[in-house]
Amino acid sequence: MGTESKRQQRFAGVLQQDLAELLQREGNSWAPGAFITVTRVRVTPDLAIARVYLSFLNTETAPEDLKAIRTKTTEIRYKLGSKIKNQVRIVPQLDFFLDDTNEYVEHMDKIFEEISKETRQPD
């Protein structure tokens, strides 16, 4: 998915903000105990499909929480549509993905920490 146009970027920003507000208000009923963050939204050039990347904090069950969110996609799309109906012709199809950047960063930090603890071998 090459470079995004300004239009795609603006629309993705609107979707990210509105989805974040929606998940902040109602996300606890879909994924109890998890703090859900919309880390990124990518939109196709025709604005028909939005790929939404979610990060789950304060939970060990992120894959299960993502499945719960995916089962509510129709409801989330409907609520999003009622917010953005005056700005767009069609409400995009939503595809939710797990953003595991935080886990990756933590894993890499542990590896670097272990490397730094190892004694240096003289050359």
Protein backbone atom coordinates (compact mmCIF):
# COMPACT_ATOMS: atom_id res chain seq x y z
CA MET A 1 0.00 0.00 0.00
CA GLY A 2 2.26 2.81 -1.27
CA THR A 3 1.96 6.39 -0.24
CA GLU A 4 -1.40 7.65 0.86
CA SER A 5 -2.99 10.75 -0.60
CA LYS A 6 -3.80 13.75 1.56
CA ARG A 7 -7.46 12.82 1.28
CA GLN A 8 -6.81 9.31 2.57
CA GLN A 9 -4.68 10.66 5.41
CA ARG A 10 -7.33 13.21 6.46
CA PHE A 11 -10.10 10.62 6.33
CA ALA A 12 -7.99 8.12 8.27
CA GLY A 13 -7.39 10.79 10.93
CA VAL A 14 -11.12 11.47 11.25
CA LEU A 15 -11.83 7.74 11.54
CA GLN A 16 -9.06 7.26 14.09
CA GLN A 17 -10.36 10.06 16.30
CA ASP A 18 -14.02 9.00 16.09
CA LEU A 19 -13.24 5.31 16.62
CA ALA A 20 -11.02 6.17 19.59
CA GLU A 21 -13.85 8.13 21.20
CA LEU A 22 -16.30 5.31 20.52
CA LEU A 23 -13.99 2.64 21.94
CA GLN A 24 -13.23 4.84 24.94
CA ARG A 25 -16.95 5.12 25.73
CA GLU A 26 -18.13 1.62 24.90
CA GLY A 27 -15.02 -0.53 24.57
CA ASN A 28 -15.22 -1.71 28.17
CA SER A 29 -18.47 -3.54 27.44
CA TRP A 30 -16.85 -5.33 24.48
CA ALA A 31 -13.46 -6.05 26.07
CA PRO A 32 -13.85 -5.76 29.87
CA GLY A 33 -10.83 -4.42 31.72
CA ALA A 34 -8.85 -3.59 28.60
CA PHE A 35 -7.77 -0.10 27.64
CA ILE A 36 -8.15 0.03 23.86
CA THR A 37 -6.10 2.44 21.78
CA VAL A 38 -6.50 3.05 18.05
CA THR A 39 -2.86 3.24 17.01
CA ARG A 40 -3.30 3.62 13.25
CA VAL A 41 -5.93 3.67 10.53
CA ARG A 42 -5.14 2.95 6.89
CA VAL A 43 -7.76 3.65 4.23
CA THR A 44 -7.94 2.31 0.68
CA PRO A 45 -7.81 4.90 -2.15
CA ASP A 46 -11.58 4.63 -2.73
CA LEU A 47 -12.18 5.14 1.03
CA ALA A 48 -14.31 1.98 1.12
CA ILE A 49 -12.16 -0.11 3.46
CA ALA A 50 -10.45 1.03 6.65
CA ARG A 51 -7.83 -1.11 8.34
CA VAL A 52 -7.90 -0.24 12.02
CA TYR A 53 -4.96 -1.22 14.22
CA LEU A 54 -5.77 -1.59 17.91
CA SER A 55 -3.52 -1.85 20.92
CA PHE A 56 -4.84 -3.41 24.12
CA LEU A 57 -3.33 -2.31 27.42
CA ASN A 58 -3.96 -3.73 30.90
CA THR A 59 -4.95 -7.11 29.52
CA GLU A 60 -3.36 -10.48 28.91
CA THR A 61 -6.13 -11.57 26.55
CA ALA A 62 -5.57 -9.21 23.61
CA PRO A 63 -6.33 -11.82 20.89
CA GLU A 64 -9.64 -12.74 22.57
CA ASP A 65 -10.49 -9.06 23.04
CA LEU A 66 -9.77 -8.45 19.35
CA LYS A 67 -12.15 -11.30 18.44
CA ALA A 68 -14.82 -9.70 20.65
CA ILE A 69 -14.32 -6.36 18.87
CA ARG A 70 -14.52 -8.10 15.49
CA THR A 71 -17.88 -9.66 16.42
CA LYS A 72 -19.18 -6.13 17.08
CA THR A 73 -17.91 -4.70 13.76
CA THR A 74 -21.42 -4.13 12.40
CA GLU A 75 -22.48 -2.26 15.54
CA ILE A 76 -19.28 -0.22 15.60
CA ARG A 77 -19.67 0.66 11.90
CA TYR A 78 -23.27 1.75 12.49
CA LYS A 79 -22.30 3.99 15.42
CA LEU A 80 -19.37 5.40 13.45
CA GLY A 81 -21.70 6.07 10.53
CA SER A 82 -24.05 8.08 12.70
CA LYS A 83 -21.10 10.29 13.69
CA ILE A 84 -19.59 10.85 10.24
CA LYS A 85 -22.71 10.65 8.05
CA ASN A 86 -22.48 14.34 7.07
CA GLN A 87 -18.83 14.04 6.05
CA VAL A 88 -18.83 10.97 3.77
CA ARG A 89 -21.00 9.27 1.18
CA ILE A 90 -20.40 5.74 2.45
CA VAL A 91 -19.18 4.44 5.78
CA PRO A 92 -16.11 2.28 5.14
CA GLN A 93 -15.95 -1.41 5.90
CA LEU A 94 -13.88 -1.84 9.07
CA ASP A 95 -11.16 -4.45 9.40
CA PHE A 96 -9.61 -4.69 12.86
CA PHE A 97 -6.04 -5.84 13.45
CA LEU A 98 -3.91 -6.26 16.54
CA ASP A 99 -1.05 -3.78 16.79
CA ASP A 100 1.63 -5.66 18.67
CA THR A 101 4.26 -2.93 18.49
CA ASN A 102 4.37 -2.55 22.28
CA GLU A 103 4.99 -6.27 22.79
CA TYR A 104 7.70 -6.21 20.14
CA VAL A 105 9.42 -3.23 21.79
CA GLU A 106 9.31 -4.95 25.19
CA HIS A 107 10.74 -8.14 23.68
CA MET A 108 13.58 -6.24 22.02
CA ASP A 109 14.31 -4.34 25.25
CA LYS A 110 14.67 -7.64 27.10
CA ILE A 111 17.04 -8.96 24.44
CA PHE A 112 19.19 -5.82 24.58
CA GLU A 113 19.18 -5.95 28.36
CA GLU A 114 20.41 -9.56 28.30
CA ILE A 115 23.12 -8.65 25.79
CA SER A 116 24.34 -5.77 27.92
CA LYS A 117 24.53 -8.04 31.01
CA GLU A 118 26.77 -10.56 29.28
CA THR A 119 30.42 -10.17 30.07
CA ARG A 120 32.47 -8.81 27.21
CA GLN A 121 34.96 -11.19 25.65
CA PRO A 122 38.36 -9.62 24.95
CA ASP A 123 39.34 -9.61 21.26
